[in-house]
Amino acid sequence: MPRGKRTPTLPFQHFFTYDELTRFVEALAGSRPNLVSLTSIGDSREGRAIHMLTITDASTGAAEDKPAYLIQGNIHATELSGTHAALYTARQLVADHARSAILKRVAFYIVPRINPDGAEFAVTTSGTIRSRTDRSERVPNTLYQEDVNGDGLILTMRMEHPNGPFVADPKDKRLLIRRTKDSKPPYYRTLPEGMIHEWDGTDRISVEGRRFDWNRNWSYDWRPEPEQAGAGDFPFSEIELRALADFIFSRPNIFGVLGYHNGPNAVLRPPSTGSEDDLDAGDVKVMQELAEIGAKHTGFPVIPVVKYHRDNARDINLRGHFHNFGYQHLGLFVFEFELGMLLNSAGITTKDIFAVKDEQEQEALTRRMMKWWDKQKKRDRIFARWTYFDHPQLGPVQIGGLLRKYLAGPTLSDLRKIARGTYRFTLAHAERHPRVVIEDIGVDRVGEEVYRIRARVANRGQFPTHVSGKGRGLKRLKTVRVQFRRAGGVKLLSQTGHHSLGHLAGITDGRDLEWFVSVEEPRDSLCELRVLGGTGGNVRASVPKPD
């Protein structure tokens, strides 16, 4: 390591702005250029670079020649924990390199923040969007979020109204709860803090423009709106997601994928539509086994995406979703960590959250969270007191309430521990990579300047080169091909030089190959063997002429 170039410390004091994220990834790449390179997979809609960290030991080969593992985070704007979790893995891969051989064999592609525009809005204002909101054409009677009282935050506006659906919680005046037949006035209606475009003065106020959910914009089983809310215009219509898809499909060496989200903590696995019966039975077994490793290291429950819902709800079907894309279109074992919410940090489990039957039980959980928060000595500011403000359109309102950016994830101190567990899962998953090798190269003279060349091409990794049962028939997962490149003055006598071996099973699958050549003029080398191994990586070997 160059003198003075220490691996930067990843602070868990606050969520990163885009500039802070940029400084960190630049510092990480600058500290170990032999291990880390920083590039961009493209620019966001607002012109921010979408950072890509490629992490591998360059002394043992280029990233594109090694089996590769992809991590992406922060596809949803307020789910800022994913950025930190991805950066934790990036940093630890570098910090642990002296004690681990994983970077000698595997490349990691890490996109810590696929949604830099949405995340910047969330981290700087605490405003809420899913992935993106279309404000290109402003619609009359529609409220668009902005900081109207100048405190630097976008909070909630509450206004007294006879038909208001909310009242102040008599057990915690900071909170609003659903109005019932026994509720006493004042009654409130609520809106996000902002201004109403071309308001006609009526109560019919829409909020924001068209909403996009990039985790409904993947290609497999994509459905248009309104059949699937947030789906976008067509698969990969969102430029940031399309940039990631272009990268994925340009890298046949990717064998594993992982995404980070915020919701009740869980290790999620496919399917995201239908049922397990729609998947290869052997694949389900492997996915469950891997997911349980994630559960061991994080303490999170393992839940198929279709079952990630309240106990009294039907199974969900998410069209154009990451899990089904990763499994059905990429043929890989794909996982997401739901890193948790502030409710989880308050000691409320995912089981508790999903057991909720109605609004009243949900409100009780929020009260528990607030009581826990009040007892914390070190705490983020999750509540802004209700303050009167004379809104230029609505007149007297109160602005305040809960800060969404902190509700969406666990505390940052909890996140540090969680990220350590997800990192350990990533290592365990990555250790199963396919590994294509060339073994036992031999050359025998069988005649006057005629030679027989022998070699074995094998997969000594745990996963087959098609990774999953589903991947066996997918064109994206490249079969193993052997290129025979003879040296000048060498003539191939065999009928075939190049070989297509199909896919190789894990650990024990090897194919013995041989070629006959003649040498027409003095040469030191007979040929070069190049193996394009898809997810198992690419290898090459020069075959010298025997003395």
Protein backbone atom coordinates (compact mmCIF):
# COMPACT_ATOMS: atom_id res chain seq x y z
CA MET A 1 0.00 0.00 0.00
CA PRO A 2 1.43 3.45 -0.87
CA ARG A 3 2.53 5.39 2.16
CA GLY A 4 -0.16 7.64 3.58
CA LYS A 5 -2.91 5.96 1.54
CA ARG A 6 -5.03 4.41 4.26
CA THR A 7 -8.34 2.74 3.55
CA PRO A 8 -10.91 5.42 4.44
CA THR A 9 -13.17 4.87 7.43
CA LEU A 10 -16.87 4.58 6.62
CA PRO A 11 -18.72 6.80 9.13
CA PHE A 12 -22.14 5.76 10.38
CA GLN A 13 -23.12 9.18 11.77
CA HIS A 14 -25.45 10.33 8.98
CA PHE A 15 -26.59 9.39 5.50
CA PHE A 16 -24.39 10.59 2.66
CA THR A 17 -25.23 13.37 0.27
CA TYR A 18 -24.11 12.77 -3.30
CA ASP A 19 -20.96 14.86 -2.79
CA GLU A 20 -20.07 12.90 0.36
CA LEU A 21 -20.67 9.61 -1.44
CA THR A 22 -18.44 10.76 -4.29
CA ARG A 23 -15.64 11.75 -1.93
CA PHE A 24 -15.80 8.38 -0.18
CA VAL A 25 -15.68 6.23 -3.33
CA GLU A 26 -12.88 8.40 -4.72
CA ALA A 27 -10.93 7.99 -1.47
CA LEU A 28 -11.49 4.22 -1.46
CA ALA A 29 -10.32 3.88 -5.06
CA GLY A 30 -7.36 6.18 -4.43
CA SER A 31 -6.25 4.24 -1.35
CA ARG A 32 -5.82 0.91 -3.15
CA PRO A 33 -5.64 1.34 -6.93
CA ASN A 34 -4.39 -2.24 -7.25
CA LEU A 35 -7.73 -3.41 -5.84
CA VAL A 36 -10.33 -0.75 -6.61
CA SER A 37 -11.29 1.17 -9.71
CA LEU A 38 -14.01 3.82 -9.85
CA THR A 39 -16.04 4.29 -13.00
CA SER A 40 -19.59 5.25 -13.91
CA ILE A 41 -22.22 3.15 -15.64
CA GLY A 42 -23.89 6.34 -16.89
CA ASP A 43 -25.45 9.58 -15.75
CA SER A 44 -28.72 10.09 -13.94
CA ARG A 45 -31.60 12.08 -15.36
CA GLU A 46 -30.29 15.16 -13.53
CA GLY A 47 -26.70 14.59 -14.66
CA ARG A 48 -25.12 12.86 -11.67
CA ALA A 49 -22.65 10.06 -12.36
CA ILE A 50 -23.89 6.63 -11.24
CA HIS A 51 -20.80 5.36 -9.44
CA MET A 52 -19.50 1.85 -10.03
CA LEU A 53 -16.77 0.33 -7.86
CA THR A 54 -14.92 -2.63 -9.37
CA ILE A 55 -13.03 -4.47 -6.65
CA THR A 56 -10.58 -7.29 -7.37
CA ASP A 57 -6.88 -8.06 -7.12
CA ALA A 58 -5.48 -6.79 -10.43
CA SER A 59 -2.31 -8.85 -9.98
CA THR A 60 -4.30 -12.04 -10.63
CA GLY A 61 -6.12 -10.82 -13.71
CA ALA A 62 -8.61 -8.33 -15.02
CA ALA A 63 -12.09 -8.11 -13.52
CA GLU A 64 -13.78 -9.12 -16.76
CA ASP A 65 -11.80 -12.40 -16.79
CA LYS A 66 -12.98 -13.46 -13.33
CA PRO A 67 -16.29 -14.69 -11.95
CA ALA A 68 -18.14 -11.57 -10.79
CA TYR A 69 -20.67 -10.61 -8.11
CA LEU A 70 -22.95 -7.59 -8.51
CA ILE A 71 -24.37 -5.47 -5.66
CA GLN A 72 -26.77 -2.55 -6.07
CA GLY A 73 -28.41 -0.31 -3.48
CA ASN A 74 -30.74 2.66 -2.99
CA ILE A 75 -33.03 2.06 -5.96
CA HIS A 76 -35.78 3.61 -3.83
CA ALA A 77 -35.06 7.20 -2.86
CA THR A 78 -35.71 7.13 0.89
CA GLU A 79 -34.07 3.71 1.40
CA LEU A 80 -30.71 5.29 2.13
CA SER A 81 -29.41 2.42 4.25
CA GLY A 82 -28.62 0.48 1.08
CA THR A 83 -25.88 2.93 0.13
CA HIS A 84 -24.10 2.44 3.44
CA ALA A 85 -24.51 -1.35 3.38
CA ALA A 86 -23.02 -1.53 -0.12
CA LEU A 87 -20.14 0.76 0.85
CA TYR A 88 -19.46 -1.33 3.96
CA THR A 89 -18.97 -4.41 1.78
CA ALA A 90 -16.77 -2.45 -0.64
CA ARG A 91 -14.56 -1.17 2.16
CA GLN A 92 -14.32 -4.52 3.97
CA LEU A 93 -13.32 -6.36 0.81
CA VAL A 94 -10.35 -3.99 0.63
CA ALA A 95 -9.58 -3.99 4.36
CA ASP A 96 -9.74 -7.80 4.60
CA HIS A 97 -7.70 -8.52 1.48
CA ALA A 98 -4.56 -9.48 3.39
CA ARG A 99 -6.56 -12.17 5.24
CA SER A 100 -8.78 -13.35 2.39
CA ALA A 101 -8.10 -14.74 -1.06
CA ILE A 102 -11.54 -13.90 -2.47
CA LEU A 103 -10.32 -10.89 -4.51
CA LYS A 104 -7.69 -13.06 -6.18
CA ARG A 105 -10.48 -15.17 -7.68
CA VAL A 106 -13.59 -12.98 -7.85
CA ALA A 107 -14.45 -9.46 -9.03
CA PHE A 108 -17.12 -7.42 -7.26
CA TYR A 109 -19.13 -4.81 -9.11
CA ILE A 110 -20.77 -2.48 -6.58
CA VAL A 111 -23.26 0.30 -7.43
CA PRO A 112 -23.88 1.85 -4.01
CA ARG A 113 -26.55 4.31 -5.19
CA ILE A 114 -28.38 3.50 -8.41
CA ASN A 115 -30.75 6.43 -7.77
CA PRO A 116 -28.56 9.47 -6.99
CA ASP A 117 -31.26 12.04 -7.83
CA GLY A 118 -34.00 10.56 -5.68
CA ALA A 119 -31.61 9.86 -2.82
CA GLU A 120 -30.33 13.44 -2.89
CA PHE A 121 -33.89 14.73 -2.56
CA ALA A 122 -34.56 12.36 0.34
CA VAL A 123 -31.32 12.93 2.26
CA THR A 124 -31.34 16.73 1.98
CA THR A 125 -35.06 17.40 2.56
CA SER A 126 -36.60 14.25 4.11
CA GLY A 127 -39.20 14.53 1.35
CA THR A 128 -40.77 11.40 -0.07
CA ILE A 129 -40.64 9.86 -3.51
CA ARG A 130 -40.48 6.18 -4.43
CA SER A 131 -37.83 6.24 -7.15
CA ARG A 132 -38.75 9.23 -9.30
CA THR A 133 -41.64 11.65 -9.73
CA ASP A 134 -42.35 13.17 -13.13
CA ARG A 135 -42.59 16.93 -12.74
CA SER A 136 -41.94 17.71 -16.40
CA GLU A 137 -45.56 18.70 -16.94
CA ARG A 138 -47.20 20.34 -13.95
CA VAL A 139 -50.89 19.62 -13.54
CA PRO A 140 -53.44 22.05 -12.06
CA ASN A 141 -54.69 21.34 -8.53
CA THR A 142 -51.61 19.22 -7.86
CA LEU A 143 -49.29 19.77 -4.89
CA TYR A 144 -45.56 19.51 -5.52
CA GLN A 145 -43.26 19.07 -2.54
CA GLU A 146 -41.02 21.92 -1.48
CA ASP A 147 -39.78 23.56 1.70
CA VAL A 148 -42.27 26.41 2.12
CA ASN A 149 -41.32 27.58 5.63
CA GLY A 150 -37.57 27.70 5.00
CA ASP A 151 -36.42 25.23 7.69
CA GLY A 152 -34.57 23.05 5.17
CA LEU A 153 -36.99 20.12 5.48
CA ILE A 154 -40.08 18.88 3.68
CA LEU A 155 -42.47 17.73 6.39
CA THR A 156 -46.25 17.31 6.73
CA MET A 157 -48.83 20.09 6.66
CA ARG A 158 -51.95 19.54 8.74
CA MET A 159 -55.04 21.73 8.43
CA GLU A 160 -58.23 21.71 10.45
CA HIS A 161 -61.13 20.54 8.32
CA PRO A 162 -64.60 19.20 9.25
CA ASN A 163 -64.09 16.19 6.97
CA GLY A 164 -60.50 15.58 8.05
CA PRO A 165 -59.65 11.87 8.47
CA PHE A 166 -57.11 12.42 11.29
CA VAL A 167 -57.01 13.62 14.89
CA ALA A 168 -54.15 14.22 17.31
CA ASP A 169 -53.36 11.01 19.18
CA PRO A 170 -54.65 11.48 22.76
CA LYS A 171 -51.87 9.13 23.96
CA ASP A 172 -49.07 11.01 22.13
CA LYS A 173 -49.95 14.49 20.88
CA ARG A 174 -47.06 14.41 18.42
CA LEU A 175 -48.79 11.79 16.31
CA LEU A 176 -51.84 11.78 14.09
CA ILE A 177 -54.18 8.78 14.14
CA ARG A 178 -57.21 7.79 12.10
CA ARG A 179 -60.46 9.46 13.09
CA THR A 180 -63.19 7.20 14.50
CA LYS A 181 -66.84 7.82 15.34
CA ASP A 182 -65.81 8.64 18.91
CA SER A 183 -62.98 11.05 18.03
CA LYS A 184 -63.18 14.61 19.34
CA PRO A 185 -62.26 17.63 17.18
CA PRO A 186 -60.14 19.25 15.87
CA TYR A 187 -60.09 17.04 12.77
CA TYR A 188 -57.20 17.34 10.33
CA ARG A 189 -56.49 16.66 6.73
CA THR A 190 -52.84 16.37 5.74
CA LEU A 191 -50.68 17.16 2.73
CA PRO A 192 -46.93 17.01 2.16
CA GLU A 193 -45.27 20.37 2.58
CA GLY A 194 -45.35 22.16 -0.76
CA MET A 195 -47.19 24.41 -3.17
CA ILE A 196 -50.28 23.66 -5.27
CA HIS A 197 -49.95 24.31 -9.00
CA GLU A 198 -52.77 26.44 -10.41
CA TRP A 199 -55.04 25.68 -7.48
CA ASP A 200 -58.73 26.50 -7.96
CA GLY A 201 -59.41 26.72 -4.22
CA THR A 202 -61.30 23.44 -3.89
CA ASP A 203 -60.52 20.45 -1.70
CA ARG A 204 -59.69 18.27 -4.70
CA ILE A 205 -55.90 18.37 -4.46
CA SER A 206 -53.70 15.68 -5.99
CA VAL A 207 -50.19 15.08 -4.71
CA GLU A 208 -47.16 15.15 -7.02
CA GLY A 209 -46.99 13.91 -10.60
CA ARG A 210 -46.65 10.44 -12.01
CA ARG A 211 -44.74 8.13 -9.69
CA PHE A 212 -42.14 5.61 -10.85
CA ASP A 213 -40.98 2.54 -8.96
CA TRP A 214 -37.78 1.25 -10.53
CA ASN A 215 -38.21 -2.10 -8.84
CA ARG A 216 -41.18 -2.62 -11.18
CA ASN A 217 -39.22 -1.61 -14.31
CA TRP A 218 -37.14 -4.80 -14.78
CA SER A 219 -37.86 -6.86 -17.86
CA TYR A 220 -39.31 -10.16 -16.64
CA ASP A 221 -43.13 -10.22 -16.41
CA TRP A 222 -43.27 -6.43 -16.80
CA ARG A 223 -46.82 -5.09 -16.92
CA PRO A 224 -47.98 -1.58 -17.87
CA GLU A 225 -49.72 0.83 -15.55
CA PRO A 226 -52.28 0.71 -14.06
CA GLU A 227 -51.89 -3.07 -13.91
CA GLN A 228 -48.58 -2.57 -12.10
CA ALA A 229 -48.20 0.76 -10.30
CA GLY A 230 -44.92 2.58 -10.98
CA ALA A 231 -43.96 0.30 -13.87
CA GLY A 232 -42.87 3.05 -16.27
CA ASP A 233 -43.43 3.15 -20.02
CA PHE A 234 -41.65 -0.09 -20.94
CA PRO A 235 -39.02 -2.40 -19.38
CA PHE A 236 -35.87 -0.39 -18.56
CA SER A 237 -37.55 2.86 -19.66
CA GLU A 238 -35.84 4.58 -16.72
CA ILE A 239 -32.37 5.61 -17.87
CA GLU A 240 -30.62 4.74 -14.62
CA LEU A 241 -32.04 1.24 -14.58
CA ARG A 242 -31.31 0.82 -18.27
CA ALA A 243 -27.68 1.75 -17.61
CA LEU A 244 -27.48 -0.99 -14.99
CA ALA A 245 -29.16 -3.50 -17.33
CA ASP A 246 -26.74 -2.63 -20.14
CA PHE A 247 -23.86 -3.23 -17.74
CA ILE A 248 -25.25 -6.57 -16.55
CA PHE A 249 -25.79 -7.89 -20.05
CA SER A 250 -22.31 -6.79 -21.11
CA ARG A 251 -20.75 -8.90 -18.33
CA PRO A 252 -21.25 -12.64 -18.91
CA ASN A 253 -19.00 -13.28 -15.91
CA ILE A 254 -21.66 -12.19 -13.37
CA PHE A 255 -22.77 -15.22 -11.36
CA GLY A 256 -24.46 -13.60 -8.34
CA VAL A 257 -26.58 -10.52 -7.66
CA LEU A 258 -27.70 -8.79 -4.47
CA GLY A 259 -29.87 -5.74 -3.80
CA TYR A 260 -30.40 -3.63 -0.68
CA HIS A 261 -33.75 -2.17 0.45
CA ASN A 262 -35.50 -0.89 3.55
CA GLY A 263 -38.60 -2.58 4.86
CA PRO A 264 -39.34 -4.86 7.83
CA ASN A 265 -36.05 -6.72 8.07
CA ALA A 266 -35.85 -9.92 6.03
CA VAL A 267 -33.74 -11.96 3.65
CA LEU A 268 -35.82 -12.00 0.46
CA ARG A 269 -35.57 -14.61 -2.29
CA PRO A 270 -37.60 -15.45 -5.40
CA PRO A 271 -40.31 -15.75 -6.52
CA SER A 272 -41.91 -12.31 -6.70
CA THR A 273 -44.95 -13.61 -8.59
CA GLY A 274 -46.75 -16.91 -8.57
CA SER A 275 -45.40 -19.58 -6.25
CA GLU A 276 -42.36 -21.77 -5.61
CA ASP A 277 -43.96 -24.43 -7.79
CA ASP A 278 -43.15 -22.21 -10.78
CA LEU A 279 -39.41 -22.56 -10.10
CA ASP A 280 -36.95 -25.40 -10.52
CA ALA A 281 -37.20 -27.47 -7.34
CA GLY A 282 -33.44 -27.82 -7.04
CA ASP A 283 -33.01 -24.07 -7.41
CA VAL A 284 -35.50 -23.43 -4.60
CA LYS A 285 -33.46 -25.72 -2.34
CA VAL A 286 -30.21 -23.87 -3.10
CA MET A 287 -31.82 -20.44 -2.72
CA GLN A 288 -33.28 -21.38 0.64
CA GLU A 289 -29.94 -22.77 1.80
CA LEU A 290 -28.14 -19.57 0.82
CA ALA A 291 -30.85 -17.34 2.29
CA GLU A 292 -30.53 -19.18 5.60
CA ILE A 293 -26.84 -18.21 5.65
CA GLY A 294 -28.02 -14.61 5.39
CA ALA A 295 -30.45 -15.25 8.23
CA LYS A 296 -27.67 -16.74 10.36
CA HIS A 297 -25.47 -13.66 9.97
CA THR A 298 -28.21 -11.03 10.37
CA GLY A 299 -30.91 -12.62 12.49
CA PHE A 300 -33.47 -11.74 9.80
CA PRO A 301 -36.25 -14.12 8.72
CA VAL A 302 -36.11 -15.71 5.27
CA ILE A 303 -39.18 -14.78 3.22
CA PRO A 304 -40.01 -15.42 -0.46
CA VAL A 305 -41.06 -12.10 -2.00
CA VAL A 306 -44.63 -13.29 -2.63
CA LYS A 307 -45.00 -13.90 1.13
CA TYR A 308 -43.59 -10.52 2.21
CA HIS A 309 -46.86 -9.04 3.51
CA ARG A 310 -49.15 -8.76 6.50
CA ASP A 311 -50.50 -12.03 7.81
CA ASN A 312 -54.09 -11.15 6.89
CA ALA A 313 -53.20 -10.18 3.29
CA ARG A 314 -53.11 -12.26 0.13
CA ASP A 315 -49.82 -13.22 -1.51
CA ILE A 316 -48.36 -10.33 -3.50
CA ASN A 317 -47.45 -10.34 -7.18
CA LEU A 318 -44.82 -7.77 -8.14
CA ARG A 319 -44.45 -7.48 -11.89
CA GLY A 320 -41.19 -6.35 -13.43
CA HIS A 321 -39.44 -7.05 -10.12
CA PHE A 322 -35.72 -7.57 -9.43
CA HIS A 323 -36.02 -11.12 -8.09
CA ASN A 324 -37.87 -12.62 -11.01
CA PHE A 325 -35.63 -10.71 -13.44
CA GLY A 326 -32.49 -12.00 -11.75
CA TYR A 327 -33.71 -15.58 -11.69
CA GLN A 328 -35.82 -15.87 -14.85
CA HIS A 329 -33.81 -13.63 -17.20
CA LEU A 330 -30.30 -13.91 -15.75
CA GLY A 331 -30.55 -17.47 -14.45
CA LEU A 332 -28.91 -16.50 -11.14
CA PHE A 333 -29.64 -16.91 -7.45
CA VAL A 334 -30.75 -13.40 -6.58
CA PHE A 335 -31.35 -11.98 -3.12
CA GLU A 336 -32.38 -8.75 -1.46
CA PHE A 337 -31.85 -7.70 2.10
CA GLU A 338 -34.62 -5.64 3.61
CA LEU A 339 -32.31 -3.89 6.04
CA GLY A 340 -35.06 -2.93 8.45
CA MET A 341 -36.97 0.12 9.62
CA LEU A 342 -36.87 2.29 12.71
CA LEU A 343 -39.64 0.07 14.08
CA ASN A 344 -37.15 -2.81 14.03
CA SER A 345 -34.55 -0.79 15.90
CA ALA A 346 -37.23 -0.09 18.52
CA GLY A 347 -37.46 -3.83 19.18
CA ILE A 348 -40.53 -4.45 17.03
CA THR A 349 -39.92 -7.55 14.93
CA THR A 350 -40.93 -8.24 11.35
CA LYS A 351 -43.30 -10.84 12.78
CA ASP A 352 -44.91 -8.13 14.95
CA ILE A 353 -45.22 -5.77 11.98
CA PHE A 354 -46.81 -8.38 9.72
CA ALA A 355 -49.19 -9.49 12.49
CA VAL A 356 -50.89 -6.05 12.45
CA LYS A 357 -54.57 -6.40 11.51
CA ASP A 358 -55.78 -2.79 11.28
CA GLU A 359 -54.91 0.90 11.60
CA GLN A 360 -55.31 0.88 15.37
CA GLU A 361 -52.72 -1.86 15.82
CA GLN A 362 -50.34 -0.03 13.45
CA GLU A 363 -50.78 3.16 15.50
CA ALA A 364 -49.94 1.21 18.66
CA LEU A 365 -46.64 0.10 17.09
CA THR A 366 -45.81 3.72 16.24
CA ARG A 367 -46.45 4.73 19.86
CA ARG A 368 -44.09 1.95 21.01
CA MET A 369 -41.44 3.28 18.63
CA MET A 370 -41.83 6.83 19.94
CA LYS A 371 -41.56 5.69 23.58
CA TRP A 372 -38.39 3.80 22.71
CA TRP A 373 -37.00 6.82 20.87
CA ASP A 374 -37.69 9.12 23.84
CA LYS A 375 -35.44 6.93 26.00
CA GLN A 376 -32.45 6.98 23.65
CA LYS A 377 -29.48 9.15 24.68
CA LYS A 378 -28.05 9.29 21.15
CA ARG A 379 -30.76 9.63 18.58
CA ASP A 380 -31.50 11.06 15.18
CA ARG A 381 -34.13 13.74 14.93
CA ILE A 382 -37.17 11.76 13.82
CA PHE A 383 -39.82 14.31 14.80
CA ALA A 384 -40.28 18.03 14.12
CA ARG A 385 -42.78 19.74 16.40
CA TRP A 386 -45.93 21.10 14.85
CA THR A 387 -45.44 24.79 14.11
CA TYR A 388 -48.00 27.27 12.81
CA PHE A 389 -47.31 28.76 9.40
CA ASP A 390 -49.31 31.06 7.17
CA HIS A 391 -49.25 29.16 3.89
CA PRO A 392 -49.51 31.51 0.87
CA GLN A 393 -52.32 29.38 -0.60
CA LEU A 394 -53.89 27.39 2.21
CA GLY A 395 -53.71 30.00 4.97
CA PRO A 396 -53.01 28.86 8.55
CA VAL A 397 -51.49 25.38 8.70
CA GLN A 398 -49.25 23.46 11.06
CA ILE A 399 -46.01 22.04 9.68
CA GLY A 400 -44.16 19.20 11.41
CA GLY A 401 -44.42 15.50 12.06
CA LEU A 402 -42.14 12.52 11.48
CA LEU A 403 -38.99 12.71 9.32
CA ARG A 404 -39.38 9.99 6.73
CA LYS A 405 -35.70 9.48 5.94
CA TYR A 406 -35.07 8.17 9.46
CA LEU A 407 -38.27 6.15 9.72
CA ALA A 408 -37.44 4.20 6.56
CA GLY A 409 -34.36 2.47 7.96
CA PRO A 410 -32.82 1.18 11.18
CA THR A 411 -30.63 3.44 13.29
CA LEU A 412 -27.21 3.97 11.82
CA SER A 413 -25.61 2.18 14.77
CA ASP A 414 -27.81 -0.84 14.10
CA LEU A 415 -27.05 -0.55 10.39
CA ARG A 416 -23.33 -1.00 11.07
CA LYS A 417 -24.02 -4.39 12.70
CA ILE A 418 -26.48 -5.38 9.98
CA ALA A 419 -24.01 -4.47 7.23
CA ARG A 420 -21.41 -6.70 8.86
CA GLY A 421 -23.85 -9.60 8.59
CA THR A 422 -24.79 -8.90 4.98
CA TYR A 423 -21.08 -8.73 4.12
CA ARG A 424 -20.54 -12.17 5.59
CA PHE A 425 -23.45 -13.50 3.56
CA THR A 426 -21.96 -11.95 0.42
CA LEU A 427 -18.65 -13.72 1.05
CA ALA A 428 -20.41 -17.05 1.59
CA HIS A 429 -22.43 -16.64 -1.61
CA ALA A 430 -19.42 -15.47 -3.62
CA GLU A 431 -17.26 -18.37 -2.41
CA ARG A 432 -19.51 -20.73 -4.40
CA HIS A 433 -18.52 -19.13 -7.70
CA PRO A 434 -17.81 -21.29 -10.78
CA ARG A 435 -14.06 -21.50 -11.59
CA VAL A 436 -12.98 -22.61 -15.04
CA VAL A 437 -9.34 -23.73 -15.27
CA ILE A 438 -6.88 -25.30 -17.71
CA GLU A 439 -5.09 -28.28 -16.18
CA ASP A 440 -2.44 -30.86 -17.02
CA ILE A 441 -1.10 -29.38 -20.23
CA GLY A 442 1.21 -31.85 -21.91
CA VAL A 443 3.10 -32.09 -25.22
CA ASP A 444 4.46 -35.28 -26.77
CA ARG A 445 6.54 -35.67 -29.95
CA VAL A 446 4.84 -38.30 -32.07
CA GLY A 447 6.79 -37.89 -35.32
CA GLU A 448 9.26 -35.70 -37.12
CA GLU A 449 8.17 -32.24 -35.97
CA VAL A 450 4.69 -33.58 -35.20
CA TYR A 451 3.33 -33.08 -31.67
CA ARG A 452 0.30 -34.10 -29.66
CA ILE A 453 -1.00 -31.41 -27.26
CA ARG A 454 -3.18 -32.47 -24.34
CA ALA A 455 -5.05 -30.35 -21.80
CA ARG A 456 -8.00 -30.59 -19.46
CA VAL A 457 -10.57 -27.79 -19.17
CA ALA A 458 -12.53 -28.11 -15.93
CA ASN A 459 -14.81 -26.25 -13.53
CA ARG A 460 -13.38 -26.47 -10.03
CA GLY A 461 -15.85 -24.03 -8.50
CA GLN A 462 -18.97 -25.06 -6.59
CA PHE A 463 -21.62 -23.61 -8.92
CA PRO A 464 -21.99 -24.99 -12.44
CA THR A 465 -21.26 -22.47 -15.18
CA HIS A 466 -25.03 -22.19 -15.79
CA VAL A 467 -25.30 -21.44 -12.02
CA SER A 468 -28.95 -22.49 -11.62
CA GLY A 469 -31.23 -25.06 -13.17
CA LYS A 470 -33.10 -22.20 -14.81
CA GLY A 471 -29.84 -20.87 -16.26
CA ARG A 472 -29.06 -24.06 -18.13
CA GLY A 473 -31.10 -23.01 -21.14
CA LEU A 474 -30.64 -19.24 -21.09
CA LYS A 475 -28.56 -17.70 -23.86
CA ARG A 476 -27.23 -15.01 -21.50
CA LEU A 477 -25.26 -17.63 -19.60
CA LYS A 478 -22.46 -18.43 -22.01
CA THR A 479 -21.28 -21.99 -22.48
CA VAL A 480 -17.58 -22.82 -22.15
CA ARG A 481 -15.63 -22.35 -25.37
CA VAL A 482 -12.00 -23.22 -26.08
CA GLN A 483 -10.08 -21.21 -28.66
CA PHE A 484 -6.99 -22.81 -30.20
CA ARG A 485 -4.59 -20.18 -31.53
CA ARG A 486 -1.63 -21.73 -33.29
CA ALA A 487 1.68 -19.94 -33.47
CA GLY A 488 3.09 -18.82 -36.81
CA GLY A 489 4.71 -21.67 -38.70
CA VAL A 490 2.56 -24.23 -36.86
CA LYS A 491 -0.01 -26.27 -38.78
CA LEU A 492 -3.08 -27.82 -37.15
CA LEU A 493 -3.43 -31.46 -38.17
CA SER A 494 -6.53 -32.21 -36.09
CA GLN A 495 -9.93 -31.81 -37.67
CA THR A 496 -10.97 -29.27 -35.00
CA GLY A 497 -9.00 -26.58 -33.23
CA HIS A 498 -11.71 -24.68 -31.37
CA HIS A 499 -14.10 -26.56 -29.08
CA SER A 500 -17.50 -25.73 -27.60
CA LEU A 501 -17.87 -27.70 -24.37
CA GLY A 502 -21.34 -26.63 -23.31
CA HIS A 503 -21.80 -25.94 -19.61
CA LEU A 504 -19.59 -27.53 -16.96
CA ALA A 505 -20.96 -28.82 -13.67
CA GLY A 506 -19.30 -27.74 -10.46
CA ILE A 507 -16.14 -29.19 -8.86
CA THR A 508 -15.74 -32.48 -10.74
CA ASP A 509 -16.60 -31.70 -14.37
CA GLY A 510 -13.56 -31.68 -16.67
CA ARG A 511 -13.07 -32.39 -20.39
CA ASP A 512 -9.86 -33.87 -21.77
CA LEU A 513 -8.89 -32.36 -25.12
CA GLU A 514 -6.10 -33.04 -27.60
CA TRP A 515 -4.70 -31.54 -30.78
CA PHE A 516 -2.08 -32.67 -33.30
CA VAL A 517 0.16 -30.08 -34.93
CA SER A 518 3.22 -29.99 -37.14
CA VAL A 519 5.96 -27.41 -36.97
CA GLU A 520 7.06 -26.08 -40.33
CA GLU A 521 9.75 -23.75 -39.04
CA PRO A 522 11.60 -23.35 -35.72
CA ARG A 523 9.30 -22.05 -32.96
CA ASP A 524 9.43 -21.75 -29.14
CA SER A 525 5.67 -21.86 -28.75
CA LEU A 526 3.16 -24.18 -30.40
CA CYS A 527 -0.08 -22.41 -29.56
CA GLU A 528 -2.11 -20.47 -27.03
CA LEU A 529 -5.23 -21.95 -25.46
CA ARG A 530 -7.91 -19.45 -24.52
CA VAL A 531 -10.97 -20.58 -22.57
CA LEU A 532 -14.02 -18.33 -22.43
CA GLY A 533 -15.76 -19.68 -19.36
CA GLY A 534 -18.76 -17.37 -18.95
CA THR A 535 -19.57 -17.15 -15.23
CA GLY A 536 -16.47 -19.28 -14.55
CA GLY A 537 -14.13 -16.62 -15.91
CA ASN A 538 -11.68 -16.61 -18.79
CA VAL A 539 -8.27 -18.29 -18.70
CA ARG A 540 -5.41 -18.72 -21.14
CA ALA A 541 -2.22 -20.70 -21.36
CA SER A 542 0.73 -20.70 -23.74
CA VAL A 543 1.89 -24.15 -24.85
CA PRO A 544 5.69 -24.25 -25.40
CA LYS A 545 7.43 -26.55 -27.82
CA PRO A 546 9.32 -29.25 -25.87
CA ASP A 547 13.11 -29.20 -25.91
